Amino acid sequence: MNIQRAQEIAASPVMENVEYDGVRVYIQHVDEQNETARIYPLDRPEEEMDVPVRSLSESGAQVAMEVESIACRVNNES
């Protein structure tokens, strides 16, 4: 996940499907300078941790990445 998307999710009132190491988590805060996010597992809110933003993923992110990849190829061929 990139920093901008993590910040959007953290600021949104809507709970997104975010995972860290296969576990669904809640993003509390994003530290843009250090590229980390303060998260906790949804079923264990007392277990807060700071993790690299790049280690977070969204359910359905693979489809979004494939669409983005296709769009990049189309733009580069133009």
PDB file of N, CA and C in Angstrom:
ATOM      1  N   MET A   1       0.859  -1.165   0.000  1.00  0.00           N
ATOM      2  CA  MET A   1       0.000   0.000   0.000  1.00  0.00           C
ATOM      3  C   MET A   1       0.906   1.229   0.000  1.00  0.00           C
ATOM      4  N   ASN A   2       0.447   2.296  -0.628  1.00  0.00           N
ATOM      5  CA  ASN A   2       1.257   3.503  -0.621  1.00  0.00           C
ATOM      6  C   ASN A   2       0.799   4.463   0.487  1.00  0.00           C
ATOM      7  N   ILE A   3       1.624   5.450   0.780  1.00  0.00           N
ATOM      8  CA  ILE A   3       1.366   6.392   1.869  1.00  0.00           C
ATOM      9  C   ILE A   3       0.036   7.118   1.688  1.00  0.00           C
ATOM     10  N   GLN A   4      -0.212   7.612   0.482  1.00  0.00           N
ATOM     11  CA  GLN A   4      -1.438   8.380   0.232  1.00  0.00           C
ATOM     12  C   GLN A   4      -2.678   7.548   0.517  1.00  0.00           C
ATOM     13  N   ARG A   5      -2.700   6.296   0.056  1.00  0.00           N
ATOM     14  CA  ARG A   5      -3.871   5.443   0.280  1.00  0.00           C
ATOM     15  C   ARG A   5      -4.030   5.144   1.761  1.00  0.00           C
ATOM     16  N   ALA A   6      -2.956   4.894   2.464  1.00  0.00           N
ATOM     17  CA  ALA A   6      -3.028   4.632   3.900  1.00  0.00           C
ATOM     18  C   ALA A   6      -3.590   5.843   4.638  1.00  0.00           C
ATOM     19  N   GLN A   7      -3.181   7.058   4.233  1.00  0.00           N
ATOM     20  CA  GLN A   7      -3.706   8.271   4.857  1.00  0.00           C
ATOM     21  C   GLN A   7      -5.198   8.428   4.579  1.00  0.00           C
ATOM     22  N   GLU A   8      -5.620   8.121   3.345  1.00  0.00           N
ATOM     23  CA  GLU A   8      -7.041   8.192   2.999  1.00  0.00           C
ATOM     24  C   GLU A   8      -7.857   7.251   3.873  1.00  0.00           C
ATOM     25  N   ILE A   9      -7.365   6.043   4.048  1.00  0.00           N
ATOM     26  CA  ILE A   9      -8.075   5.058   4.863  1.00  0.00           C
ATOM     27  C   ILE A   9      -8.124   5.497   6.318  1.00  0.00           C
ATOM     28  N   ALA A  10      -7.015   5.987   6.845  1.00  0.00           N
ATOM     29  CA  ALA A  10      -6.969   6.427   8.247  1.00  0.00           C
ATOM     30  C   ALA A  10      -7.926   7.584   8.498  1.00  0.00           C
ATOM     31  N   ALA A  11      -8.100   8.471   7.516  1.00  0.00           N
ATOM     32  CA  ALA A  11      -8.963   9.642   7.665  1.00  0.00           C
ATOM     33  C   ALA A  11     -10.431   9.332   7.398  1.00  0.00           C
ATOM     34  N   SER A  12     -10.708   8.213   6.771  1.00  0.00           N
ATOM     35  CA  SER A  12     -12.073   7.871   6.386  1.00  0.00           C
ATOM     36  C   SER A  12     -12.875   7.315   7.555  1.00  0.00           C
ATOM     37  N   PRO A  13     -14.150   7.688   7.636  1.00  0.00           N
ATOM     38  CA  PRO A  13     -15.006   7.113   8.675  1.00  0.00           C
ATOM     39  C   PRO A  13     -15.446   5.683   8.321  1.00  0.00           C
ATOM     40  N   VAL A  14     -15.195   5.272   7.091  1.00  0.00           N
ATOM     41  CA  VAL A  14     -15.584   3.943   6.628  1.00  0.00           C
ATOM     42  C   VAL A  14     -14.450   2.957   6.897  1.00  0.00           C
ATOM     43  N   MET A  15     -14.791   1.815   7.508  1.00  0.00           N
ATOM     44  CA  MET A  15     -13.800   0.782   7.793  1.00  0.00           C
ATOM     45  C   MET A  15     -13.473   0.045   6.506  1.00  0.00           C
ATOM     46  N   GLU A  16     -12.224   0.105   6.090  1.00  0.00           N
ATOM     47  CA  GLU A  16     -11.776  -0.591   4.893  1.00  0.00           C
ATOM     48  C   GLU A  16     -11.223  -1.964   5.274  1.00  0.00           C
ATOM     49  N   ASN A  17     -11.133  -2.846   4.311  1.00  0.00           N
ATOM     50  CA  ASN A  17     -10.568  -4.178   4.533  1.00  0.00           C
ATOM     51  C   ASN A  17      -9.060  -4.119   4.343  1.00  0.00           C
ATOM     52  N   VAL A  18      -8.360  -3.799   5.416  1.00  0.00           N
ATOM     53  CA  VAL A  18      -6.902  -3.686   5.388  1.00  0.00           C
ATOM     54  C   VAL A  18      -6.316  -4.856   6.163  1.00  0.00           C
ATOM     55  N   GLU A  19      -5.239  -5.412   5.616  1.00  0.00           N
ATOM     56  CA  GLU A  19      -4.584  -6.533   6.282  1.00  0.00           C
ATOM     57  C   GLU A  19      -3.099  -6.270   6.474  1.00  0.00           C
ATOM     58  N   TYR A  20      -2.596  -6.832   7.569  1.00  0.00           N
ATOM     59  CA  TYR A  20      -1.160  -6.846   7.832  1.00  0.00           C
ATOM     60  C   TYR A  20      -0.802  -8.287   8.163  1.00  0.00           C
ATOM     61  N   ASP A  21       0.058  -8.872   7.376  1.00  0.00           N
ATOM     62  CA  ASP A  21       0.493 -10.255   7.588  1.00  0.00           C
ATOM     63  C   ASP A  21      -0.707 -11.203   7.678  1.00  0.00           C
ATOM     64  N   GLY A  22      -1.717 -10.961   6.815  1.00  0.00           N
ATOM     65  CA  GLY A  22      -2.896 -11.827   6.760  1.00  0.00           C
ATOM     66  C   GLY A  22      -3.944 -11.579   7.817  1.00  0.00           C
ATOM     67  N   VAL A  23      -3.747 -10.562   8.665  1.00  0.00           N
ATOM     68  CA  VAL A  23      -4.687 -10.248   9.747  1.00  0.00           C
ATOM     69  C   VAL A  23      -5.357  -8.912   9.449  1.00  0.00           C
ATOM     70  N   ARG A  24      -6.687  -8.851   9.590  1.00  0.00           N
ATOM     71  CA  ARG A  24      -7.392  -7.595   9.365  1.00  0.00           C
ATOM     72  C   ARG A  24      -7.043  -6.611  10.479  1.00  0.00           C
ATOM     73  N   VAL A  25      -6.714  -5.376  10.060  1.00  0.00           N
ATOM     74  CA  VAL A  25      -6.265  -4.361  11.016  1.00  0.00           C
ATOM     75  C   VAL A  25      -6.981  -3.035  10.777  1.00  0.00           C
ATOM     76  N   TYR A  26      -6.863  -2.166  11.776  1.00  0.00           N
ATOM     77  CA  TYR A  26      -7.375  -0.803  11.716  1.00  0.00           C
ATOM     78  C   TYR A  26      -6.177   0.138  11.701  1.00  0.00           C
ATOM     79  N   ILE A  27      -6.178   1.087  10.773  1.00  0.00           N
ATOM     80  CA  ILE A  27      -5.091   2.071  10.711  1.00  0.00           C
ATOM     81  C   ILE A  27      -5.481   3.274  11.565  1.00  0.00           C
ATOM     82  N   GLN A  28      -4.700   3.550  12.604  1.00  0.00           N
ATOM     83  CA  GLN A  28      -4.962   4.688  13.476  1.00  0.00           C
ATOM     84  C   GLN A  28      -4.325   5.969  12.962  1.00  0.00           C
ATOM     85  N   HIS A  29      -3.095   5.828  12.498  1.00  0.00           N
ATOM     86  CA  HIS A  29      -2.325   7.010  12.120  1.00  0.00           C
ATOM     87  C   HIS A  29      -1.253   6.605  11.123  1.00  0.00           C
ATOM     88  N   VAL A  30      -0.924   7.531  10.223  1.00  0.00           N
ATOM     89  CA  VAL A  30       0.150   7.301   9.255  1.00  0.00           C
ATOM     90  C   VAL A  30       1.232   8.351   9.470  1.00  0.00           C
ATOM     91  N   ASP A  31       2.470   7.892   9.622  1.00  0.00           N
ATOM     92  CA  ASP A  31       3.624   8.774   9.757  1.00  0.00           C
ATOM     93  C   ASP A  31       4.280   8.853   8.384  1.00  0.00           C
ATOM     94  N   GLU A  32       3.985   9.938   7.665  1.00  0.00           N
ATOM     95  CA  GLU A  32       4.462  10.088   6.296  1.00  0.00           C
ATOM     96  C   GLU A  32       5.981  10.127   6.224  1.00  0.00           C
ATOM     97  N   GLN A  33       6.609  10.796   7.170  1.00  0.00           N
ATOM     98  CA  GLN A  33       8.063  10.949   7.145  1.00  0.00           C
ATOM     99  C   GLN A  33       8.771   9.597   7.291  1.00  0.00           C
ATOM    100  N   ASN A  34       8.292   8.760   8.196  1.00  0.00           N
ATOM    101  CA  ASN A  34       8.922   7.456   8.428  1.00  0.00           C
ATOM    102  C   ASN A  34       8.301   6.338   7.592  1.00  0.00           C
ATOM    103  N   GLU A  35       7.231   6.671   6.856  1.00  0.00           N
ATOM    104  CA  GLU A  35       6.511   5.706   6.033  1.00  0.00           C
ATOM    105  C   GLU A  35       6.034   4.513   6.848  1.00  0.00           C
ATOM    106  N   THR A  36       5.480   4.808   8.036  1.00  0.00           N
ATOM    107  CA  THR A  36       4.938   3.772   8.901  1.00  0.00           C
ATOM    108  C   THR A  36       3.486   4.096   9.238  1.00  0.00           C
ATOM    109  N   ALA A  37       2.789   3.082   9.715  1.00  0.00           N
ATOM    110  CA  ALA A  37       1.401   3.252  10.142  1.00  0.00           C
ATOM    111  C   ALA A  37       1.232   2.644  11.522  1.00  0.00           C
ATOM    112  N   ARG A  38       0.446   3.310  12.350  1.00  0.00           N
ATOM    113  CA  ARG A  38       0.096   2.784  13.667  1.00  0.00           C
ATOM    114  C   ARG A  38      -1.184   1.990  13.465  1.00  0.00           C
ATOM    115  N   ILE A  39      -1.132   0.691  13.737  1.00  0.00           N
ATOM    116  CA  ILE A  39      -2.272  -0.192  13.493  1.00  0.00           C
ATOM    117  C   ILE A  39      -2.564  -1.052  14.710  1.00  0.00           C
ATOM    118  N   TYR A  40      -3.723  -1.728  14.666  1.00  0.00           N
ATOM    119  CA  TYR A  40      -3.996  -2.800  15.616  1.00  0.00           C
ATOM    120  C   TYR A  40      -4.938  -3.809  14.964  1.00  0.00           C
ATOM    121  N   PRO A  41      -4.803  -5.093  15.337  1.00  0.00           N
ATOM    122  CA  PRO A  41      -5.722  -6.107  14.814  1.00  0.00           C
ATOM    123  C   PRO A  41      -7.144  -5.794  15.285  1.00  0.00           C
ATOM    124  N   LEU A  42      -8.125  -5.996  14.408  1.00  0.00           N
ATOM    125  CA  LEU A  42      -9.506  -5.662  14.762  1.00  0.00           C
ATOM    126  C   LEU A  42      -9.992  -6.407  15.998  1.00  0.00           C
ATOM    127  N   ASP A  43      -9.526  -7.631  16.183  1.00  0.00           N
ATOM    128  CA  ASP A  43      -9.984  -8.409  17.335  1.00  0.00           C
ATOM    129  C   ASP A  43      -9.090  -8.255  18.568  1.00  0.00           C
ATOM    130  N   ARG A  44      -8.020  -7.432  18.459  1.00  0.00           N
ATOM    131  CA  ARG A  44      -7.113  -7.215  19.589  1.00  0.00           C
ATOM    132  C   ARG A  44      -6.647  -5.756  19.621  1.00  0.00           C
ATOM    133  N   PRO A  45      -7.550  -4.819  19.906  1.00  0.00           N
ATOM    134  CA  PRO A  45      -7.190  -3.397  19.851  1.00  0.00           C
ATOM    135  C   PRO A  45      -6.097  -2.985  20.837  1.00  0.00           C
ATOM    136  N   GLU A  46      -5.831  -3.803  21.824  1.00  0.00           N
ATOM    137  CA  GLU A  46      -4.775  -3.477  22.785  1.00  0.00           C
ATOM    138  C   GLU A  46      -3.383  -3.755  22.222  1.00  0.00           C
ATOM    139  N   GLU A  47      -3.295  -4.432  21.081  1.00  0.00           N
ATOM    140  CA  GLU A  47      -2.011  -4.789  20.482  1.00  0.00           C
ATOM    141  C   GLU A  47      -1.613  -3.809  19.377  1.00  0.00           C
ATOM    142  N   GLU A  48      -1.429  -2.553  19.746  1.00  0.00           N
ATOM    143  CA  GLU A  48      -1.010  -1.537  18.778  1.00  0.00           C
ATOM    144  C   GLU A  48       0.438  -1.761  18.371  1.00  0.00           C
ATOM    145  N   MET A  49       0.737  -1.441  17.095  1.00  0.00           N
ATOM    146  CA  MET A  49       2.115  -1.564  16.613  1.00  0.00           C
ATOM    147  C   MET A  49       2.331  -0.619  15.451  1.00  0.00           C
ATOM    148  N   ASP A  50       3.582  -0.267  15.241  1.00  0.00           N
ATOM    149  CA  ASP A  50       3.971   0.535  14.087  1.00  0.00           C
ATOM    150  C   ASP A  50       4.575  -0.407  13.062  1.00  0.00           C
ATOM    151  N   VAL A  51       4.087  -0.299  11.815  1.00  0.00           N
ATOM    152  CA  VAL A  51       4.563  -1.175  10.746  1.00  0.00           C
ATOM    153  C   VAL A  51       4.833  -0.342   9.500  1.00  0.00           C
ATOM    154  N   PRO A  52       5.671  -0.836   8.591  1.00  0.00           N
ATOM    155  CA  PRO A  52       5.878  -0.132   7.323  1.00  0.00           C
ATOM    156  C   PRO A  52       4.570  -0.099   6.527  1.00  0.00           C
ATOM    157  N   VAL A  53       4.244   1.050   5.968  1.00  0.00           N
ATOM    158  CA  VAL A  53       3.009   1.185   5.192  1.00  0.00           C
ATOM    159  C   VAL A  53       3.004   0.190   4.042  1.00  0.00           C
ATOM    160  N   ARG A  54       4.154  -0.040   3.437  1.00  0.00           N
ATOM    161  CA  ARG A  54       4.245  -0.970   2.295  1.00  0.00           C
ATOM    162  C   ARG A  54       3.855  -2.399   2.660  1.00  0.00           C
ATOM    163  N   SER A  55       3.840  -2.723   3.951  1.00  0.00           N
ATOM    164  CA  SER A  55       3.483  -4.081   4.368  1.00  0.00           C
ATOM    165  C   SER A  55       1.974  -4.256   4.533  1.00  0.00           C
ATOM    166  N   LEU A  56       1.209  -3.185   4.366  1.00  0.00           N
ATOM    167  CA  LEU A  56      -0.246  -3.254   4.471  1.00  0.00           C
ATOM    168  C   LEU A  56      -0.855  -3.536   3.107  1.00  0.00           C
ATOM    169  N   SER A  57      -1.981  -4.237   3.105  1.00  0.00           N
ATOM    170  CA  SER A  57      -2.670  -4.498   1.840  1.00  0.00           C
ATOM    171  C   SER A  57      -4.174  -4.400   2.048  1.00  0.00           C
ATOM    172  N   GLU A  58      -4.870  -4.104   0.960  1.00  0.00           N
ATOM    173  CA  GLU A  58      -6.330  -4.056   0.972  1.00  0.00           C
ATOM    174  C   GLU A  58      -6.877  -5.286   0.295  1.00  0.00           C
ATOM    175  N   SER A  59      -7.986  -5.801   0.802  1.00  0.00           N
ATOM    176  CA  SER A  59      -8.678  -6.869   0.093  1.00  0.00           C
ATOM    177  C   SER A  59      -9.126  -6.304  -1.239  1.00  0.00           C
ATOM    178  N   GLY A  60      -8.927  -7.031  -2.293  1.00  0.00           N
ATOM    179  CA  GLY A  60      -9.264  -6.539  -3.619  1.00  0.00           C
ATOM    180  C   GLY A  60      -8.159  -5.698  -4.226  1.00  0.00           C
ATOM    181  N   ALA A  61      -7.055  -5.521  -3.513  1.00  0.00           N
ATOM    182  CA  ALA A  61      -5.962  -4.689  -4.009  1.00  0.00           C
ATOM    183  C   ALA A  61      -5.302  -5.308  -5.233  1.00  0.00           C
ATOM    184  N   GLN A  62      -5.305  -6.633  -5.325  1.00  0.00           N
ATOM    185  CA  GLN A  62      -4.684  -7.286  -6.473  1.00  0.00           C
ATOM    186  C   GLN A  62      -5.392  -6.872  -7.757  1.00  0.00           C
ATOM    187  N   VAL A  63      -6.721  -6.821  -7.730  1.00  0.00           N
ATOM    188  CA  VAL A  63      -7.481  -6.409  -8.907  1.00  0.00           C
ATOM    189  C   VAL A  63      -7.150  -4.966  -9.252  1.00  0.00           C
ATOM    190  N   ALA A  64      -7.097  -4.100  -8.249  1.00  0.00           N
ATOM    191  CA  ALA A  64      -6.783  -2.688  -8.488  1.00  0.00           C
ATOM    192  C   ALA A  64      -5.385  -2.548  -9.074  1.00  0.00           C
ATOM    193  N   MET A  65      -4.433  -3.335  -8.589  1.00  0.00           N
ATOM    194  CA  MET A  65      -3.074  -3.264  -9.106  1.00  0.00           C
ATOM    195  C   MET A  65      -3.023  -3.724 -10.557  1.00  0.00           C
ATOM    196  N   GLU A  66      -3.797  -4.755 -10.884  1.00  0.00           N
ATOM    197  CA  GLU A  66      -3.817  -5.239 -12.261  1.00  0.00           C
ATOM    198  C   GLU A  66      -4.411  -4.185 -13.190  1.00  0.00           C
ATOM    199  N   VAL A  67      -5.484  -3.532 -12.767  1.00  0.00           N
ATOM    200  CA  VAL A  67      -6.109  -2.483 -13.570  1.00  0.00           C
ATOM    201  C   VAL A  67      -5.128  -1.327 -13.758  1.00  0.00           C
ATOM    202  N   GLU A  68      -4.449  -0.941 -12.690  1.00  0.00           N
ATOM    203  CA  GLU A  68      -3.455   0.138 -12.774  1.00  0.00           C
ATOM    204  C   GLU A  68      -2.322  -0.241 -13.723  1.00  0.00           C
ATOM    205  N   SER A  69      -1.888  -1.476 -13.665  1.00  0.00           N
ATOM    206  CA  SER A  69      -0.818  -1.946 -14.536  1.00  0.00           C
ATOM    207  C   SER A  69      -1.242  -1.891 -15.999  1.00  0.00           C
ATOM    208  N   ILE A  70      -2.460  -2.304 -16.279  1.00  0.00           N
ATOM    209  CA  ILE A  70      -2.982  -2.260 -17.649  1.00  0.00           C
ATOM    210  C   ILE A  70      -3.061  -0.810 -18.133  1.00  0.00           C
ATOM    211  N   ALA A  71      -3.561   0.072 -17.271  1.00  0.00           N
ATOM    212  CA  ALA A  71      -3.670   1.492 -17.639  1.00  0.00           C
ATOM    213  C   ALA A  71      -2.291   2.077 -17.940  1.00  0.00           C
ATOM    214  N   CYS A  72      -1.280   1.710 -17.167  1.00  0.00           N
ATOM    215  CA  CYS A  72       0.080   2.207 -17.399  1.00  0.00           C
ATOM    216  C   CYS A  72       0.607   1.726 -18.739  1.00  0.00           C
ATOM    217  N   ARG A  73       0.365   0.471 -19.068  1.00  0.00           N
ATOM    218  CA  ARG A  73       0.830  -0.076 -20.348  1.00  0.00           C
ATOM    219  C   ARG A  73       0.142   0.629 -21.512  1.00  0.00           C
ATOM    220  N   VAL A  74      -1.156   0.890 -21.378  1.00  0.00           N
ATOM    221  CA  VAL A  74      -1.892   1.565 -22.438  1.00  0.00           C
ATOM    222  C   VAL A  74      -1.353   2.978 -22.627  1.00  0.00           C
ATOM    223  N   ASN A  75      -1.128   3.682 -21.523  1.00  0.00           N
ATOM    224  CA  ASN A  75      -0.591   5.055 -21.608  1.00  0.00           C
ATOM    225  C   ASN A  75       0.810   5.080 -22.201  1.00  0.00           C
ATOM    226  N   ASN A  76       1.624   4.107 -21.881  1.00  0.00           N
ATOM    227  CA  ASN A  76       2.999   4.065 -22.387  1.00  0.00           C
ATOM    228  C   ASN A  76       3.053   3.711 -23.866  1.00  0.00           C
ATOM    229  N   GLU A  77       2.047   2.986 -24.348  1.00  0.00           N
ATOM    230  CA  GLU A  77       2.008   2.613 -25.763  1.00  0.00           C
ATOM    231  C   GLU A  77       1.505   3.759 -26.635  1.00  0.00           C
ATOM    232  N   SER A  78       0.849   4.729 -26.010  1.00  0.00           N
ATOM    233  CA  SER A  78       0.286   5.860 -26.777  1.00  0.00           C
ATOM    234  C   SER A  78       1.345   6.809 -27.271  1.00  0.00           C
TER     235      SER A  78
END
